[in-house]
Each structure stands twice: as structure tokens, then as C-alpha cells.
Amino acid sequence: MRARLSFVLLLSWFTLPALAAGPLDDPSLGADRYGRCMALAQRAPQSALDAAEAWQNEGGGAAAAHCQALSLVALRRYAEAAQTLDRLGRDPATGAAAQRAELFDQAGNAWILASQPAHADDSFTEALALTPGDRDVLADRARARGARKDWAGAEKDLNAVLAADPGRVDILVLRASARHAQGRKAEARADIDQALALYHDYPEALVERGEMKAEDGDTAGALADWQRAIAADPDGNAARAARAHIAEVQAPAAQGKPK
């Protein structure tokens, strides 16, 4: 089984200052034009995209462009959304450094959704140039580097996060995955053991430890960990990964049974 950075990607959208108010589809969506556009993006993204583009033609600026990007994400047009967010981040007129850094961070997440981790790495690096040491962005860039199989680069970013916040269980699991991919099994297992000491039934750590056990030939131990991951969060991403691993392990046995 291949070690990898297993993670749940969460896009966090922040609020830009609203520009001039005006009618936008449904007044019940909100009090200001930006708020209505963003709410519409969740309800009817194509309508929101059309409205945002019309608003841009009227001089809507960064607020209209950000609503356009969110609408594109909702429509799963991730690369276009990422390009829009990168463009906003590069424009000093968009806002303060922290605000532009968050736009670059959002762009990086959109690039990951577009399966373009190299571009994601670039966007996260731009964000870190504006807000050096931001732990959330470092963790995001580590995920992008893991997707590129740049395990050493991923580990470097994760080390920086853990140096500032050693109790981050999610980051310990990600670093374990990066170390495992580099063949440093003892260090990877130490990270997993530390994560589970902090959070006894952390599903992602259990999935990762199960992979390590299976790789070492401990099938029973691996199955036990994966079953614990499923019990801890039956509907989560870790549970889905655990079920896939269980099916993979059990398939050869099932094929060998007499008909």
C-alpha cells in the first residue's frame, strides 16, 4: 500500500467589504449585494456566476470577482476559480496583506481540487510571502507537496507547524505519512503513536497505523485499526478509506474460496 497524505480539504471563504448595493435576483438572500451574491452561489451557482459577471461589468471590483470565484468552485470549475483568486491576490488594490494571503490560500485549495498541485504550491508560497509562518497555509502547502510526492518539502512545512503547535494531531498524521513515504518507518510510527496518545480514536491516525501494520504483515492488527476508524466516525473520509482497505485485504481471501 502506498503512503500518502490523507486529508480533508476545507475551503474557508472570507468576506470582502461590500460595494454599492443594488438588486440581485432575490432580496431575501441578504442585505447587501455581495452578501446576496455569495448566498446565491450556494443556492444557484450558475445564476450567481451570471450575476457576478454582470456586476463586474458595472465596476463591481474585487467583491464581484470573489463571488465569481466562489460560484465557479460550486460549479466545479476549479481551475478557473483558482485563476481568479490568484489574480485577486496579486492585486495590491484588493486589500491588506492578510486579506490577499487568504485569497492565495483559497486559490491553492482550488488548484488542489483541480488536481494541479504544482500551481497550488505556487499559490500557497505566495500566501506565505505575505504572511510568513502562517500555520494553516503551511499545512495546506504540505498537502499540495504531498500530492506532488515532494515528501521532503511536505515534511519541512509540517515540522514548522509542529514546532509552533506540537499538539496538532492532524499534522502529526500528515507528517507520519510523509515520513512513511520516505521509508522512515520508525519515525512515522512514532508520530502515529503520539497522535493516538493525544486522541485515542483519531480516525485518520488509525487508518494510517492500519496501513503500516498491513505493510508489515500484521493483517489482523490492520483490520482492527480500520474497524476502530469506522466505529469512531462511520460517515467520515477516514471510514471510507478504511472500508476500501478492508475490501482490498479481504478480496484475495474471497477469491480463494471454493465455489
C-alpha atoms as a PDB file:
ATOM      1  CA  MET A   1       0.000   0.000   0.000  1.00  0.00           C
ATOM      2  CA  ARG A   2       1.263   3.458  -0.909  1.00  0.00           C
ATOM      3  CA  ALA A   3       1.793   6.008   1.814  1.00  0.00           C
ATOM      4  CA  ARG A   4       0.128   9.321   1.095  1.00  0.00           C
ATOM      5  CA  LEU A   5      -1.030  12.480   2.731  1.00  0.00           C
ATOM      6  CA  SER A   6      -4.625  11.713   3.626  1.00  0.00           C
ATOM      7  CA  PHE A   7      -6.584  14.850   4.362  1.00  0.00           C
ATOM      8  CA  VAL A   8      -9.938  16.527   4.197  1.00  0.00           C
ATOM      9  CA  LEU A   9      -9.803  19.646   2.083  1.00  0.00           C
ATOM     10  CA  LEU A  10     -11.764  22.557   3.573  1.00  0.00           C
ATOM     11  CA  LEU A  11     -12.164  25.802   1.659  1.00  0.00           C
ATOM     12  CA  SER A  12     -12.727  28.742   4.007  1.00  0.00           C
ATOM     13  CA  TRP A  13     -14.286  31.774   2.356  1.00  0.00           C
ATOM     14  CA  PHE A  14     -13.945  35.182   3.969  1.00  0.00           C
ATOM     15  CA  THR A  15     -15.989  38.325   3.495  1.00  0.00           C
ATOM     16  CA  LEU A  16     -14.755  41.237   1.414  1.00  0.00           C
ATOM     17  CA  PRO A  17     -16.264  44.671   2.049  1.00  0.00           C
ATOM     18  CA  ALA A  18     -19.497  45.048   0.120  1.00  0.00           C
ATOM     19  CA  LEU A  19     -19.629  47.591  -2.661  1.00  0.00           C
ATOM     20  CA  ALA A  20     -22.631  49.591  -3.843  1.00  0.00           C
ATOM     21  CA  ALA A  21     -25.963  47.935  -3.119  1.00  0.00           C
ATOM     22  CA  GLY A  22     -28.285  47.007  -5.931  1.00  0.00           C
ATOM     23  CA  PRO A  23     -30.864  44.447  -6.973  1.00  0.00           C
ATOM     24  CA  LEU A  24     -29.552  40.902  -7.342  1.00  0.00           C
ATOM     25  CA  ASP A  25     -32.116  38.225  -8.052  1.00  0.00           C
ATOM     26  CA  ASP A  26     -33.741  37.718  -4.650  1.00  0.00           C
ATOM     27  CA  PRO A  27     -33.737  40.311  -1.853  1.00  0.00           C
ATOM     28  CA  SER A  28     -34.263  37.540   0.719  1.00  0.00           C
ATOM     29  CA  LEU A  29     -30.685  36.438   0.053  1.00  0.00           C
ATOM     30  CA  GLY A  30     -29.205  39.265   2.067  1.00  0.00           C
ATOM     31  CA  ALA A  31     -28.997  42.969   2.735  1.00  0.00           C
ATOM     32  CA  ASP A  32     -26.025  43.903   0.553  1.00  0.00           C
ATOM     33  CA  ARG A  33     -25.096  42.991  -2.985  1.00  0.00           C
ATOM     34  CA  TYR A  34     -22.008  40.981  -2.089  1.00  0.00           C
ATOM     35  CA  GLY A  35     -23.876  39.040   0.585  1.00  0.00           C
ATOM     36  CA  ARG A  36     -26.722  38.270  -1.799  1.00  0.00           C
ATOM     37  CA  CYS A  37     -24.305  37.134  -4.492  1.00  0.00           C
ATOM     38  CA  MET A  38     -22.438  34.852  -2.109  1.00  0.00           C
ATOM     39  CA  ALA A  39     -25.672  33.354  -0.758  1.00  0.00           C
ATOM     40  CA  LEU A  40     -26.934  32.813  -4.297  1.00  0.00           C
ATOM     41  CA  ALA A  41     -23.706  30.975  -5.134  1.00  0.00           C
ATOM     42  CA  GLN A  42     -24.699  28.317  -2.617  1.00  0.00           C
ATOM     43  CA  ARG A  43     -28.283  28.097  -3.865  1.00  0.00           C
ATOM     44  CA  ALA A  44     -27.902  28.530  -7.623  1.00  0.00           C
ATOM     45  CA  PRO A  45     -24.243  28.914  -8.638  1.00  0.00           C
ATOM     46  CA  GLN A  46     -24.835  29.450 -12.345  1.00  0.00           C
ATOM     47  CA  SER A  47     -27.216  32.310 -11.600  1.00  0.00           C
ATOM     48  CA  ALA A  48     -24.676  33.729  -9.157  1.00  0.00           C
ATOM     49  CA  LEU A  49     -21.920  33.459 -11.759  1.00  0.00           C
ATOM     50  CA  ASP A  50     -24.028  35.340 -14.321  1.00  0.00           C
ATOM     51  CA  ALA A  51     -24.867  37.992 -11.741  1.00  0.00           C
ATOM     52  CA  ALA A  52     -21.232  38.347 -10.635  1.00  0.00           C
ATOM     53  CA  GLU A  53     -20.043  38.760 -14.211  1.00  0.00           C
ATOM     54  CA  ALA A  54     -22.696  41.407 -14.855  1.00  0.00           C
ATOM     55  CA  TRP A  55     -21.672  43.132 -11.637  1.00  0.00           C
ATOM     56  CA  GLN A  56     -18.029  43.133 -12.727  1.00  0.00           C
ATOM     57  CA  ASN A  57     -19.048  44.870 -15.951  1.00  0.00           C
ATOM     58  CA  GLU A  58     -20.644  47.550 -13.766  1.00  0.00           C
ATOM     59  CA  GLY A  59     -17.408  48.030 -11.816  1.00  0.00           C
ATOM     60  CA  GLY A  60     -18.004  45.526  -9.002  1.00  0.00           C
ATOM     61  CA  GLY A  61     -14.278  45.055  -8.472  1.00  0.00           C
ATOM     62  CA  ALA A  62     -12.860  42.557  -6.005  1.00  0.00           C
ATOM     63  CA  ALA A  63     -16.185  41.762  -4.346  1.00  0.00           C
ATOM     64  CA  ALA A  64     -17.758  40.755  -7.662  1.00  0.00           C
ATOM     65  CA  ALA A  65     -14.673  38.765  -8.665  1.00  0.00           C
ATOM     66  CA  HIS A  66     -14.651  36.890  -5.362  1.00  0.00           C
ATOM     67  CA  CYS A  67     -18.301  35.958  -5.759  1.00  0.00           C
ATOM     68  CA  GLN A  68     -17.479  34.819  -9.293  1.00  0.00           C
ATOM     69  CA  ALA A  69     -14.722  32.586  -7.929  1.00  0.00           C
ATOM     70  CA  LEU A  70     -16.989  31.034  -5.301  1.00  0.00           C
ATOM     71  CA  SER A  71     -19.612  30.383  -7.960  1.00  0.00           C
ATOM     72  CA  LEU A  72     -17.005  28.667 -10.136  1.00  0.00           C
ATOM     73  CA  VAL A  73     -15.984  26.436  -7.234  1.00  0.00           C
ATOM     74  CA  ALA A  74     -19.615  25.479  -6.662  1.00  0.00           C
ATOM     75  CA  LEU A  75     -19.849  24.638 -10.370  1.00  0.00           C
ATOM     76  CA  ARG A  76     -16.660  22.529 -10.029  1.00  0.00           C
ATOM     77  CA  ARG A  77     -14.808  24.762 -12.458  1.00  0.00           C
ATOM     78  CA  TYR A  78     -11.889  24.747 -10.068  1.00  0.00           C
ATOM     79  CA  ALA A  79      -9.054  25.880 -12.323  1.00  0.00           C
ATOM     80  CA  GLU A  80     -10.992  28.965 -13.441  1.00  0.00           C
ATOM     81  CA  ALA A  81     -11.794  29.772  -9.823  1.00  0.00           C
ATOM     82  CA  ALA A  82      -8.144  29.390  -8.852  1.00  0.00           C
ATOM     83  CA  GLN A  83      -7.010  31.714 -11.641  1.00  0.00           C
ATOM     84  CA  THR A  84      -9.493  34.354 -10.493  1.00  0.00           C
ATOM     85  CA  LEU A  85      -8.382  34.058  -6.874  1.00  0.00           C
ATOM     86  CA  ASP A  86      -4.693  34.236  -7.819  1.00  0.00           C
ATOM     87  CA  ARG A  87      -5.372  37.368  -9.853  1.00  0.00           C
ATOM     88  CA  LEU A  88      -7.133  38.970  -6.868  1.00  0.00           C
ATOM     89  CA  GLY A  89      -4.273  38.015  -4.574  1.00  0.00           C
ATOM     90  CA  ARG A  90      -1.702  39.626  -6.849  1.00  0.00           C
ATOM     91  CA  ASP A  91      -3.562  42.945  -6.974  1.00  0.00           C
ATOM     92  CA  PRO A  92      -2.474  45.270  -4.118  1.00  0.00           C
ATOM     93  CA  ALA A  93      -5.746  47.153  -4.552  1.00  0.00           C
ATOM     94  CA  THR A  94      -7.669  44.099  -3.351  1.00  0.00           C
ATOM     95  CA  GLY A  95      -6.805  44.720   0.286  1.00  0.00           C
ATOM     96  CA  ALA A  96      -4.270  44.307   3.044  1.00  0.00           C
ATOM     97  CA  ALA A  97      -1.577  41.641   3.007  1.00  0.00           C
ATOM     98  CA  ALA A  98      -3.530  39.266   5.258  1.00  0.00           C
ATOM     99  CA  GLN A  99      -6.597  39.516   3.034  1.00  0.00           C
ATOM    100  CA  ARG A 100      -4.596  38.870  -0.123  1.00  0.00           C
ATOM    101  CA  ALA A 101      -2.818  35.962   1.568  1.00  0.00           C
ATOM    102  CA  GLU A 102      -6.174  34.345   2.279  1.00  0.00           C
ATOM    103  CA  LEU A 103      -7.117  34.749  -1.379  1.00  0.00           C
ATOM    104  CA  PHE A 104      -3.900  32.974  -2.387  1.00  0.00           C
ATOM    105  CA  ASP A 105      -4.694  30.252   0.163  1.00  0.00           C
ATOM    106  CA  GLN A 106      -8.153  29.814  -1.333  1.00  0.00           C
ATOM    107  CA  ALA A 107      -6.576  29.723  -4.792  1.00  0.00           C
ATOM    108  CA  GLY A 108      -4.241  26.960  -3.666  1.00  0.00           C
ATOM    109  CA  ASN A 109      -7.140  24.899  -2.372  1.00  0.00           C
ATOM    110  CA  ALA A 110      -8.991  25.398  -5.651  1.00  0.00           C
ATOM    111  CA  TRP A 111      -5.881  24.264  -7.558  1.00  0.00           C
ATOM    112  CA  ILE A 112      -5.810  21.107  -5.441  1.00  0.00           C
ATOM    113  CA  LEU A 113      -9.438  20.457  -6.310  1.00  0.00           C
ATOM    114  CA  ALA A 114      -8.427  20.942  -9.943  1.00  0.00           C
ATOM    115  CA  SER A 115      -5.736  18.237  -9.486  1.00  0.00           C
ATOM    116  CA  GLN A 116      -2.981  20.751 -10.185  1.00  0.00           C
ATOM    117  CA  PRO A 117      -0.810  20.599  -7.038  1.00  0.00           C
ATOM    118  CA  ALA A 118       2.153  22.392  -8.631  1.00  0.00           C
ATOM    119  CA  HIS A 119       0.021  25.501  -9.135  1.00  0.00           C
ATOM    120  CA  ALA A 120      -1.353  25.007  -5.607  1.00  0.00           C
ATOM    121  CA  ASP A 121       2.187  25.008  -4.225  1.00  0.00           C
ATOM    122  CA  ASP A 122       2.865  28.307  -6.020  1.00  0.00           C
ATOM    123  CA  SER A 123      -0.294  29.918  -4.615  1.00  0.00           C
ATOM    124  CA  PHE A 124       0.436  28.803  -1.069  1.00  0.00           C
ATOM    125  CA  THR A 125       4.006  30.087  -1.407  1.00  0.00           C
ATOM    126  CA  GLU A 126       2.626  33.477  -2.476  1.00  0.00           C
ATOM    127  CA  ALA A 127       0.384  33.462   0.603  1.00  0.00           C
ATOM    128  CA  LEU A 128       3.344  32.704   2.867  1.00  0.00           C
ATOM    129  CA  ALA A 129       5.322  35.562   1.321  1.00  0.00           C
ATOM    130  CA  LEU A 130       2.577  37.876   2.590  1.00  0.00           C
ATOM    131  CA  THR A 131       2.023  36.170   5.964  1.00  0.00           C
ATOM    132  CA  PRO A 132       5.214  34.259   6.844  1.00  0.00           C
ATOM    133  CA  GLY A 133       4.811  31.365   9.241  1.00  0.00           C
ATOM    134  CA  ASP A 134       1.045  31.066   8.871  1.00  0.00           C
ATOM    135  CA  ARG A 135       0.446  27.540  10.196  1.00  0.00           C
ATOM    136  CA  ASP A 136      -2.729  26.883   8.252  1.00  0.00           C
ATOM    137  CA  VAL A 137      -1.100  27.868   4.974  1.00  0.00           C
ATOM    138  CA  LEU A 138       1.994  25.800   5.788  1.00  0.00           C
ATOM    139  CA  ALA A 139      -0.269  22.793   6.364  1.00  0.00           C
ATOM    140  CA  ASP A 140      -2.061  23.464   3.085  1.00  0.00           C
ATOM    141  CA  ARG A 141       1.236  23.718   1.200  1.00  0.00           C
ATOM    142  CA  ALA A 142       2.361  20.443   2.786  1.00  0.00           C
ATOM    143  CA  ARG A 143      -0.755  18.793   1.375  1.00  0.00           C
ATOM    144  CA  ALA A 144      -0.004  20.189  -2.077  1.00  0.00           C
ATOM    145  CA  ARG A 145       3.568  18.939  -1.840  1.00  0.00           C
ATOM    146  CA  GLY A 146       2.348  15.544  -0.726  1.00  0.00           C
ATOM    147  CA  ALA A 147       0.103  15.405  -3.785  1.00  0.00           C
ATOM    148  CA  ARG A 148       3.244  16.101  -5.859  1.00  0.00           C
ATOM    149  CA  LYS A 149       5.144  13.401  -3.927  1.00  0.00           C
ATOM    150  CA  ASP A 150       7.520  16.078  -2.664  1.00  0.00           C
ATOM    151  CA  TRP A 151       7.626  14.329   0.688  1.00  0.00           C
ATOM    152  CA  ALA A 152      10.710  16.139   1.971  1.00  0.00           C
ATOM    153  CA  GLY A 153       9.134  19.517   1.202  1.00  0.00           C
ATOM    154  CA  ALA A 154       5.902  18.449   2.852  1.00  0.00           C
ATOM    155  CA  GLU A 155       7.738  17.303   5.958  1.00  0.00           C
ATOM    156  CA  LYS A 156       9.621  20.607   6.198  1.00  0.00           C
ATOM    157  CA  ASP A 157       6.354  22.560   6.271  1.00  0.00           C
ATOM    158  CA  LEU A 158       4.796  20.146   8.772  1.00  0.00           C
ATOM    159  CA  ASN A 159       7.863  20.422  11.017  1.00  0.00           C
ATOM    160  CA  ALA A 160       7.369  24.186  11.085  1.00  0.00           C
ATOM    161  CA  VAL A 161       3.732  23.802  12.115  1.00  0.00           C
ATOM    162  CA  LEU A 162       4.555  21.291  14.857  1.00  0.00           C
ATOM    163  CA  ALA A 163       7.377  23.445  16.194  1.00  0.00           C
ATOM    164  CA  ALA A 164       4.789  26.126  16.938  1.00  0.00           C
ATOM    165  CA  ASP A 165       1.931  23.775  17.877  1.00  0.00           C
ATOM    166  CA  PRO A 166       3.162  20.305  18.893  1.00  0.00           C
ATOM    167  CA  GLY A 167      -0.325  19.132  19.846  1.00  0.00           C
ATOM    168  CA  ARG A 168      -1.743  19.246  16.319  1.00  0.00           C
ATOM    169  CA  VAL A 169      -2.903  15.649  15.883  1.00  0.00           C
ATOM    170  CA  ASP A 170      -3.842  16.146  12.230  1.00  0.00           C
ATOM    171  CA  ILE A 171      -0.368  17.457  11.437  1.00  0.00           C
ATOM    172  CA  LEU A 172       1.299  14.546  13.225  1.00  0.00           C
ATOM    173  CA  VAL A 173      -0.648  12.149  11.000  1.00  0.00           C
ATOM    174  CA  LEU A 174       0.323  14.046   7.882  1.00  0.00           C
ATOM    175  CA  ARG A 175       3.980  14.039   8.903  1.00  0.00           C
ATOM    176  CA  ALA A 176       3.781  10.319   9.604  1.00  0.00           C
ATOM    177  CA  SER A 177       2.504   9.800   6.078  1.00  0.00           C
ATOM    178  CA  ALA A 178       5.315  11.923   4.619  1.00  0.00           C
ATOM    179  CA  ARG A 179       7.943  10.073   6.641  1.00  0.00           C
ATOM    180  CA  HIS A 180       6.447   6.703   5.752  1.00  0.00           C
ATOM    181  CA  ALA A 181       6.668   7.612   2.061  1.00  0.00           C
ATOM    182  CA  GLN A 182      10.372   8.345   2.539  1.00  0.00           C
ATOM    183  CA  GLY A 183      10.925   4.906   4.081  1.00  0.00           C
ATOM    184  CA  ARG A 184      11.437   6.216   7.618  1.00  0.00           C
ATOM    185  CA  LYS A 185       9.001   3.794   9.208  1.00  0.00           C
ATOM    186  CA  ALA A 186      10.137   4.120  12.824  1.00  0.00           C
ATOM    187  CA  GLU A 187       9.713   7.910  12.797  1.00  0.00           C
ATOM    188  CA  ALA A 188       6.377   7.593  11.036  1.00  0.00           C
ATOM    189  CA  ARG A 189       5.126   5.129  13.638  1.00  0.00           C
ATOM    190  CA  ALA A 190       6.338   7.422  16.433  1.00  0.00           C
ATOM    191  CA  ASP A 191       4.228  10.256  15.007  1.00  0.00           C
ATOM    192  CA  ILE A 192       1.172   7.996  14.829  1.00  0.00           C
ATOM    193  CA  ASP A 193       1.717   6.756  18.381  1.00  0.00           C
ATOM    194  CA  GLN A 194       1.978  10.346  19.585  1.00  0.00           C
ATOM    195  CA  ALA A 195      -1.189  11.310  17.711  1.00  0.00           C
ATOM    196  CA  LEU A 196      -3.133   8.414  19.233  1.00  0.00           C
ATOM    197  CA  ALA A 197      -1.790   9.238  22.694  1.00  0.00           C
ATOM    198  CA  LEU A 198      -3.304  12.700  22.284  1.00  0.00           C
ATOM    199  CA  TYR A 199      -6.538  11.488  20.646  1.00  0.00           C
ATOM    200  CA  HIS A 200      -7.184   7.815  21.328  1.00  0.00           C
ATOM    201  CA  ASP A 201      -9.605   7.162  18.462  1.00  0.00           C
ATOM    202  CA  TYR A 202      -8.449   9.702  15.879  1.00  0.00           C
ATOM    203  CA  PRO A 203      -9.733   8.028  12.674  1.00  0.00           C
ATOM    204  CA  GLU A 204      -7.033   9.247  10.288  1.00  0.00           C
ATOM    205  CA  ALA A 205      -4.293   8.022  12.648  1.00  0.00           C
ATOM    206  CA  LEU A 206      -5.969   4.623  12.907  1.00  0.00           C
ATOM    207  CA  VAL A 207      -6.177   4.322   9.121  1.00  0.00           C
ATOM    208  CA  GLU A 208      -2.519   5.252   8.786  1.00  0.00           C
ATOM    209  CA  ARG A 209      -1.431   2.830  11.503  1.00  0.00           C
ATOM    210  CA  GLY A 210      -3.503   0.112   9.863  1.00  0.00           C
ATOM    211  CA  GLU A 211      -1.618   0.669   6.621  1.00  0.00           C
ATOM    212  CA  MET A 212       1.682   0.345   8.455  1.00  0.00           C
ATOM    213  CA  LYS A 213       0.582  -2.881  10.123  1.00  0.00           C
ATOM    214  CA  ALA A 214      -0.655  -4.349   6.854  1.00  0.00           C
ATOM    215  CA  GLU A 215       2.636  -3.477   5.193  1.00  0.00           C
ATOM    216  CA  ASP A 216       4.447  -5.363   7.975  1.00  0.00           C
ATOM    217  CA  GLY A 217       2.225  -8.423   7.526  1.00  0.00           C
ATOM    218  CA  ASP A 218       0.038  -7.841  10.595  1.00  0.00           C
ATOM    219  CA  THR A 219      -3.292  -8.217   8.803  1.00  0.00           C
ATOM    220  CA  ALA A 220      -5.302  -8.823  11.961  1.00  0.00           C
ATOM    221  CA  GLY A 221      -3.893  -5.687  13.590  1.00  0.00           C
ATOM    222  CA  ALA A 222      -4.569  -3.654  10.457  1.00  0.00           C
ATOM    223  CA  LEU A 223      -8.187  -4.817  10.276  1.00  0.00           C
ATOM    224  CA  ALA A 224      -8.680  -3.974  13.953  1.00  0.00           C
ATOM    225  CA  ASP A 225      -7.414  -0.423  13.422  1.00  0.00           C
ATOM    226  CA  TRP A 226      -9.568   0.105  10.351  1.00  0.00           C
ATOM    227  CA  GLN A 227     -12.648  -1.181  12.164  1.00  0.00           C
ATOM    228  CA  ARG A 228     -11.918   1.250  15.003  1.00  0.00           C
ATOM    229  CA  ALA A 229     -11.644   4.094  12.488  1.00  0.00           C
ATOM    230  CA  ILE A 230     -15.042   3.197  11.062  1.00  0.00           C
ATOM    231  CA  ALA A 231     -16.598   2.992  14.528  1.00  0.00           C
ATOM    232  CA  ALA A 232     -15.118   6.372  15.503  1.00  0.00           C
ATOM    233  CA  ASP A 233     -16.623   8.262  12.549  1.00  0.00           C
ATOM    234  CA  PRO A 234     -18.761   5.994  10.317  1.00  0.00           C
ATOM    235  CA  ASP A 235     -19.547   8.662   7.736  1.00  0.00           C
ATOM    236  CA  GLY A 236     -16.142  10.348   7.522  1.00  0.00           C
ATOM    237  CA  ASN A 237     -13.442  10.225   4.883  1.00  0.00           C
ATOM    238  CA  ALA A 238     -11.259   8.054   7.123  1.00  0.00           C
ATOM    239  CA  ALA A 239     -14.042   5.484   7.399  1.00  0.00           C
ATOM    240  CA  ARG A 240     -14.361   5.381   3.626  1.00  0.00           C
ATOM    241  CA  ALA A 241     -10.626   4.814   3.306  1.00  0.00           C
ATOM    242  CA  ALA A 242     -10.766   2.124   5.997  1.00  0.00           C
ATOM    243  CA  ARG A 243     -13.571   0.278   4.201  1.00  0.00           C
ATOM    244  CA  ALA A 244     -11.581   0.386   0.969  1.00  0.00           C
ATOM    245  CA  HIS A 245      -8.539  -1.073   2.729  1.00  0.00           C
ATOM    246  CA  ILE A 246     -10.633  -3.815   4.333  1.00  0.00           C
ATOM    247  CA  ALA A 247     -12.105  -4.745   0.966  1.00  0.00           C
ATOM    248  CA  GLU A 248      -8.625  -4.810  -0.555  1.00  0.00           C
ATOM    249  CA  VAL A 249      -7.305  -7.110   2.154  1.00  0.00           C
ATOM    250  CA  GLN A 250     -10.308  -9.413   2.116  1.00  0.00           C
ATOM    251  CA  ALA A 251     -10.606  -9.683  -1.686  1.00  0.00           C
ATOM    252  CA  PRO A 252      -7.798 -12.260  -2.176  1.00  0.00           C
ATOM    253  CA  ALA A 253      -9.265 -14.459   0.556  1.00  0.00           C
ATOM    254  CA  ALA A 254     -12.694 -14.285  -1.016  1.00  0.00           C
ATOM    255  CA  GLN A 255     -11.275 -15.175  -4.431  1.00  0.00           C
ATOM    256  CA  GLY A 256      -9.580 -18.240  -2.961  1.00  0.00           C
ATOM    257  CA  LYS A 257     -12.784 -19.716  -1.523  1.00  0.00           C
ATOM    258  CA  PRO A 258     -14.186 -22.778  -3.353  1.00  0.00           C
ATOM    259  CA  LYS A 259     -17.415 -22.162  -5.233  1.00  0.00           C
END
